[in-house]
Amino acid sequence: MDLFTIPDPSEGGMGYAYIFMIFVFIAASFTVYKLKKSTKRVTEKETPKAYEMYQPKDKS
């Protein structure tokens, strides 16, 4: 039995193949959720503001 083909209903272990496919899809959705959450956390971080060390000189 291939992992990437839908099992034939006439085969004996068809139920196990569908259960295995369900677990694979659950793991994939969990992984995608975690990746989206981690990339969102990275983009939400604020960049620190840069401050001048010295007072700006007067133009007069």
N, C-alpha and C. Protein backbone atom coordinates (compact mmCIF):
# COMPACT_ATOMS: atom_id res chain seq x y z
N MET A 1 0.85 -1.18 0.00
CA MET A 1 0.00 0.00 0.00
C MET A 1 0.89 1.24 0.00
N ASP A 2 0.59 2.15 -0.89
CA ASP A 2 1.31 3.42 -0.96
C ASP A 2 0.71 4.40 0.04
N LEU A 3 1.54 5.31 0.52
CA LEU A 3 1.03 6.32 1.45
C LEU A 3 0.31 7.44 0.73
N PHE A 4 0.58 7.62 -0.55
CA PHE A 4 0.04 8.77 -1.28
C PHE A 4 -1.16 8.42 -2.15
N THR A 5 -1.63 7.20 -2.11
CA THR A 5 -2.80 6.82 -2.89
C THR A 5 -3.94 6.47 -1.95
N ILE A 6 -5.15 6.68 -2.41
CA ILE A 6 -6.32 6.32 -1.61
C ILE A 6 -6.47 4.81 -1.67
N PRO A 7 -6.65 4.15 -0.53
CA PRO A 7 -6.71 2.69 -0.54
C PRO A 7 -7.95 2.16 -1.28
N ASP A 8 -7.80 1.01 -1.85
CA ASP A 8 -8.88 0.35 -2.57
C ASP A 8 -9.86 -0.24 -1.56
N PRO A 9 -11.15 -0.02 -1.73
CA PRO A 9 -12.12 -0.56 -0.76
C PRO A 9 -12.13 -2.08 -0.69
N SER A 10 -11.64 -2.75 -1.71
CA SER A 10 -11.66 -4.22 -1.68
C SER A 10 -10.48 -4.80 -0.89
N GLU A 11 -9.52 -3.98 -0.52
CA GLU A 11 -8.37 -4.47 0.26
C GLU A 11 -8.81 -4.74 1.70
N GLY A 12 -8.03 -5.56 2.39
CA GLY A 12 -8.40 -5.95 3.74
C GLY A 12 -8.16 -4.88 4.79
N GLY A 13 -7.06 -4.14 4.71
CA GLY A 13 -6.71 -3.18 5.75
C GLY A 13 -7.11 -1.76 5.43
N MET A 14 -8.25 -1.59 4.77
CA MET A 14 -8.66 -0.26 4.33
C MET A 14 -8.93 0.67 5.52
N GLY A 15 -9.51 0.18 6.56
CA GLY A 15 -9.83 1.01 7.72
C GLY A 15 -8.58 1.59 8.38
N TYR A 16 -7.54 0.78 8.47
CA TYR A 16 -6.29 1.25 9.05
C TYR A 16 -5.65 2.35 8.21
N ALA A 17 -5.80 2.24 6.90
CA ALA A 17 -5.23 3.26 6.02
C ALA A 17 -5.93 4.59 6.23
N TYR A 18 -7.25 4.57 6.36
CA TYR A 18 -7.97 5.83 6.59
C TYR A 18 -7.64 6.42 7.96
N ILE A 19 -7.49 5.59 8.97
CA ILE A 19 -7.08 6.08 10.29
C ILE A 19 -5.70 6.70 10.22
N PHE A 20 -4.79 6.07 9.50
CA PHE A 20 -3.44 6.60 9.33
C PHE A 20 -3.49 7.95 8.60
N MET A 21 -4.32 8.05 7.57
CA MET A 21 -4.43 9.31 6.84
C MET A 21 -5.00 10.41 7.73
N ILE A 22 -5.93 10.09 8.60
CA ILE A 22 -6.48 11.08 9.53
C ILE A 22 -5.39 11.60 10.44
N PHE A 23 -4.56 10.71 10.97
CA PHE A 23 -3.48 11.15 11.85
C PHE A 23 -2.46 12.01 11.11
N VAL A 24 -2.19 11.68 9.86
CA VAL A 24 -1.25 12.49 9.07
C VAL A 24 -1.82 13.88 8.85
N PHE A 25 -3.10 14.00 8.53
CA PHE A 25 -3.71 15.31 8.33
C PHE A 25 -3.76 16.12 9.62
N ILE A 26 -4.00 15.47 10.75
CA ILE A 26 -4.00 16.17 12.04
C ILE A 26 -2.60 16.71 12.34
N ALA A 27 -1.58 15.90 12.11
CA ALA A 27 -0.21 16.34 12.35
C ALA A 27 0.16 17.50 11.42
N ALA A 28 -0.27 17.44 10.18
CA ALA A 28 0.03 18.51 9.23
C ALA A 28 -0.66 19.81 9.62
N SER A 29 -1.91 19.73 10.03
CA SER A 29 -2.62 20.95 10.42
C SER A 29 -2.03 21.55 11.70
N PHE A 30 -1.61 20.71 12.63
CA PHE A 30 -0.97 21.20 13.85
C PHE A 30 0.35 21.89 13.52
N THR A 31 1.12 21.30 12.61
CA THR A 31 2.40 21.90 12.21
C THR A 31 2.20 23.24 11.53
N VAL A 32 1.22 23.33 10.64
CA VAL A 32 0.94 24.60 9.96
C VAL A 32 0.48 25.65 10.96
N TYR A 33 -0.35 25.26 11.93
CA TYR A 33 -0.81 26.20 12.96
C TYR A 33 0.37 26.73 13.77
N LYS A 34 1.27 25.86 14.17
CA LYS A 34 2.44 26.29 14.96
C LYS A 34 3.34 27.21 14.14
N LEU A 35 3.55 26.90 12.86
CA LEU A 35 4.39 27.74 12.02
C LEU A 35 3.77 29.13 11.82
N LYS A 36 2.48 29.19 11.61
CA LYS A 36 1.80 30.48 11.46
C LYS A 36 1.90 31.29 12.74
N LYS A 37 1.74 30.63 13.88
CA LYS A 37 1.80 31.31 15.17
C LYS A 37 3.20 31.85 15.43
N SER A 38 4.23 31.09 15.07
CA SER A 38 5.60 31.54 15.33
C SER A 38 5.98 32.68 14.40
N THR A 39 5.53 32.66 13.14
CA THR A 39 5.86 33.77 12.24
C THR A 39 5.10 35.02 12.63
N LYS A 40 3.90 34.88 13.15
CA LYS A 40 3.15 36.05 13.60
C LYS A 40 3.85 36.68 14.80
N ARG A 41 4.37 35.86 15.70
CA ARG A 41 5.06 36.37 16.89
C ARG A 41 6.33 37.12 16.48
N VAL A 42 7.02 36.65 15.46
CA VAL A 42 8.24 37.31 15.01
C VAL A 42 7.92 38.66 14.39
N THR A 43 6.85 38.76 13.62
CA THR A 43 6.51 40.02 12.97
C THR A 43 5.91 41.03 13.95
N GLU A 44 5.35 40.58 15.07
CA GLU A 44 4.74 41.50 16.02
C GLU A 44 5.75 42.17 16.93
N LYS A 45 6.98 41.69 16.99
CA LYS A 45 7.98 42.30 17.85
C LYS A 45 8.28 43.71 17.38
N GLU A 46 8.34 44.63 18.33
CA GLU A 46 8.63 46.02 17.98
C GLU A 46 10.13 46.20 17.78
N THR A 47 10.45 47.02 16.83
CA THR A 47 11.85 47.37 16.66
C THR A 47 12.17 48.48 17.64
N PRO A 48 13.30 48.42 18.30
CA PRO A 48 13.63 49.47 19.27
C PRO A 48 13.84 50.80 18.58
N LYS A 49 13.41 51.86 19.25
CA LYS A 49 13.56 53.20 18.70
C LYS A 49 15.00 53.67 18.87
N ALA A 50 15.49 54.35 17.85
CA ALA A 50 16.84 54.89 17.90
C ALA A 50 16.76 56.32 18.43
N TYR A 51 17.53 56.61 19.44
CA TYR A 51 17.55 57.94 20.04
C TYR A 51 18.89 58.60 19.74
N GLU A 52 18.84 59.90 19.62
CA GLU A 52 20.06 60.68 19.40
C GLU A 52 20.85 60.72 20.70
N MET A 53 22.15 60.60 20.59
CA MET A 53 23.00 60.63 21.79
C MET A 53 23.24 62.08 22.24
N TYR A 54 23.22 63.01 21.31
CA TYR A 54 23.54 64.38 21.63
C TYR A 54 22.39 65.28 21.20
N GLN A 55 22.34 66.44 21.80
CA GLN A 55 21.34 67.43 21.43
C GLN A 55 21.65 67.94 20.02
N PRO A 56 20.65 68.13 19.20
CA PRO A 56 20.94 68.69 17.87
C PRO A 56 21.42 70.13 17.99
N LYS A 57 22.32 70.52 17.13
CA LYS A 57 22.89 71.86 17.18
C LYS A 57 21.87 72.87 16.67
N ASP A 58 21.91 74.07 17.25
CA ASP A 58 21.05 75.15 16.79
C ASP A 58 21.51 75.61 15.43
N LYS A 59 20.56 75.95 14.58
CA LYS A 59 20.89 76.39 13.24
C LYS A 59 21.23 77.88 13.21
N SER A 60 21.13 78.58 14.33
CA SER A 60 21.43 80.03 14.33
C SER A 60 22.89 80.32 14.55
